[in-house]
Every structure is written in C-alpha cells, then in structure tokens.
C-alpha cells in the first residue's frame, strides 16, 4: 500500500489506472496502424480474454475495438 500511495502522489493516478491507460494506448496504436486481428491486439496488450479487452476498451474510449479501427480509417 505504501507503493500505491507514493505512486499516486507522484503520477496523480493509481497504479492500476496507469497500467490500464498504457495498455489501452498501445491497443489504440495497434488498431489504427496495423491489420492485426483484434484478438491478437488484445494478446499483445496483455489481455488473455478478448471479451474482457473489448469491455475495458469500450469503457475507456467509448468505442468498441472494431468501431475504433473503423473511425481511425483502418478497416
């Protein structure tokens, strides 16, 4: 708990939120710039369950991974 408090004091976000933001950011890059299947994007970002990845991605971005890729112009 000391680490979590110190981390939040330094970065302004909890460690879990920081890691989640980094993973989602990486997923956004992969979805926009590659033709990798969504299941592969999920795996490369550390998610073993593509359904869980899609749920978190939608919660953080407001788009499903497929919608995000379409909006980014990479269908």
C-alpha atoms as a PDB file:
ATOM      1  CA  UNK A   1       0.000   0.000   0.000  1.00  0.00           C
ATOM      2  CA  UNK A   2       2.965   2.323   0.521  1.00  0.00           C
ATOM      3  CA  UNK A   3       3.916   1.898  -3.134  1.00  0.00           C
ATOM      4  CA  UNK A   4       0.372   2.647  -4.308  1.00  0.00           C
ATOM      5  CA  UNK A   5       0.171   5.835  -2.239  1.00  0.00           C
ATOM      6  CA  UNK A   6       3.608   7.014  -3.364  1.00  0.00           C
ATOM      7  CA  UNK A   7       2.830   6.195  -6.988  1.00  0.00           C
ATOM      8  CA  UNK A   8      -0.462   8.090  -6.883  1.00  0.00           C
ATOM      9  CA  UNK A   9       1.167  11.045  -5.164  1.00  0.00           C
ATOM     10  CA  UNK A  10       3.863  11.153  -7.884  1.00  0.00           C
ATOM     11  CA  UNK A  11       1.806  10.455 -11.016  1.00  0.00           C
ATOM     12  CA  UNK A  12      -1.665  11.549  -9.948  1.00  0.00           C
ATOM     13  CA  UNK A  13      -3.235   8.185 -10.782  1.00  0.00           C
ATOM     14  CA  UNK A  14      -3.382   4.784  -9.117  1.00  0.00           C
ATOM     15  CA  UNK A  15      -1.001   2.113 -10.468  1.00  0.00           C
ATOM     16  CA  UNK A  16      -3.881   0.085 -11.940  1.00  0.00           C
ATOM     17  CA  UNK A  17      -5.255   3.119 -13.821  1.00  0.00           C
ATOM     18  CA  UNK A  18      -1.768   3.943 -15.118  1.00  0.00           C
ATOM     19  CA  UNK A  19      -1.200   0.423 -16.459  1.00  0.00           C
ATOM     20  CA  UNK A  20      -4.705   0.341 -17.936  1.00  0.00           C
ATOM     21  CA  UNK A  21      -4.136   3.653 -19.720  1.00  0.00           C
ATOM     22  CA  UNK A  22      -0.817   2.420 -21.140  1.00  0.00           C
ATOM     23  CA  UNK A  23      -2.382  -0.837 -22.364  1.00  0.00           C
ATOM     24  CA  UNK A  24      -5.337   0.936 -23.971  1.00  0.00           C
ATOM     25  CA  UNK A  25      -2.998   3.466 -25.592  1.00  0.00           C
ATOM     26  CA  UNK A  26      -0.941   0.642 -27.076  1.00  0.00           C
ATOM     27  CA  UNK A  27      -4.123  -1.043 -28.305  1.00  0.00           C
ATOM     28  CA  UNK A  28      -5.247   2.194 -29.959  1.00  0.00           C
ATOM     29  CA  UNK A  29      -1.945   2.396 -31.822  1.00  0.00           C
ATOM     30  CA  UNK A  30      -2.128  -1.214 -32.963  1.00  0.00           C
ATOM     31  CA  UNK A  31      -5.754  -0.902 -34.051  1.00  0.00           C
ATOM     32  CA  UNK A  32      -5.123   2.298 -36.001  1.00  0.00           C
ATOM     33  CA  UNK A  33      -1.817   1.329 -37.609  1.00  0.00           C
ATOM     34  CA  UNK A  34      -1.920  -2.423 -38.240  1.00  0.00           C
ATOM     35  CA  UNK A  35      -4.147  -5.086 -39.722  1.00  0.00           C
ATOM     36  CA  UNK A  36      -3.677  -7.387 -36.743  1.00  0.00           C
ATOM     37  CA  UNK A  37      -6.846  -9.213 -35.709  1.00  0.00           C
ATOM     38  CA  UNK A  38      -8.454  -7.771 -32.592  1.00  0.00           C
ATOM     39  CA  UNK A  39      -7.733 -10.988 -30.703  1.00  0.00           C
ATOM     40  CA  UNK A  40      -4.018 -10.517 -31.486  1.00  0.00           C
ATOM     41  CA  UNK A  41      -4.133  -6.862 -30.419  1.00  0.00           C
ATOM     42  CA  UNK A  42      -5.674  -7.964 -27.120  1.00  0.00           C
ATOM     43  CA  UNK A  43      -2.948 -10.565 -26.600  1.00  0.00           C
ATOM     44  CA  UNK A  44      -0.140  -8.122 -27.433  1.00  0.00           C
ATOM     45  CA  UNK A  45      -1.549  -5.683 -24.891  1.00  0.00           C
ATOM     46  CA  UNK A  46      -1.603  -8.292 -22.142  1.00  0.00           C
ATOM     47  CA  UNK A  47      -5.219  -9.470 -22.250  1.00  0.00           C
ATOM     48  CA  UNK A  48      -5.832 -13.197 -22.474  1.00  0.00           C
ATOM     49  CA  UNK A  49      -9.602 -12.726 -22.880  1.00  0.00           C
ATOM     50  CA  UNK A  50     -10.609 -10.657 -25.920  1.00  0.00           C
ATOM     51  CA  UNK A  51     -14.062 -10.081 -24.419  1.00  0.00           C
ATOM     52  CA  UNK A  52     -12.563  -8.503 -21.308  1.00  0.00           C
ATOM     53  CA  UNK A  53     -10.271  -6.415 -23.501  1.00  0.00           C
ATOM     54  CA  UNK A  54     -13.240  -5.188 -25.567  1.00  0.00           C
ATOM     55  CA  UNK A  55     -15.183  -4.290 -22.420  1.00  0.00           C
ATOM     56  CA  UNK A  56     -12.308  -2.279 -20.950  1.00  0.00           C
ATOM     57  CA  UNK A  57     -11.516  -0.678 -24.301  1.00  0.00           C
ATOM     58  CA  UNK A  58     -15.127   0.485 -24.703  1.00  0.00           C
ATOM     59  CA  UNK A  59     -15.228   1.764 -21.128  1.00  0.00           C
ATOM     60  CA  UNK A  60     -12.060   3.812 -21.613  1.00  0.00           C
ATOM     61  CA  UNK A  61     -12.565   5.098 -25.173  1.00  0.00           C
ATOM     62  CA  UNK A  62     -16.303   4.989 -25.782  1.00  0.00           C
ATOM     63  CA  UNK A  63     -15.767   2.749 -28.826  1.00  0.00           C
ATOM     64  CA  UNK A  64     -15.525  -0.970 -29.342  1.00  0.00           C
ATOM     65  CA  UNK A  65     -12.164  -2.039 -30.802  1.00  0.00           C
ATOM     66  CA  UNK A  66     -13.824  -2.602 -34.193  1.00  0.00           C
ATOM     67  CA  UNK A  67     -15.541   0.809 -34.105  1.00  0.00           C
ATOM     68  CA  UNK A  68     -12.273   2.460 -33.116  1.00  0.00           C
ATOM     69  CA  UNK A  69     -10.449   0.849 -36.032  1.00  0.00           C
ATOM     70  CA  UNK A  70     -13.212   1.961 -38.405  1.00  0.00           C
ATOM     71  CA  UNK A  71     -13.120   5.545 -37.051  1.00  0.00           C
ATOM     72  CA  UNK A  72      -9.348   5.571 -37.447  1.00  0.00           C
ATOM     73  CA  UNK A  73      -9.851   4.721 -41.117  1.00  0.00           C
ATOM     74  CA  UNK A  74      -8.222   1.287 -40.976  1.00  0.00           C
ATOM     75  CA  UNK A  75     -10.918  -1.265 -41.727  1.00  0.00           C
END
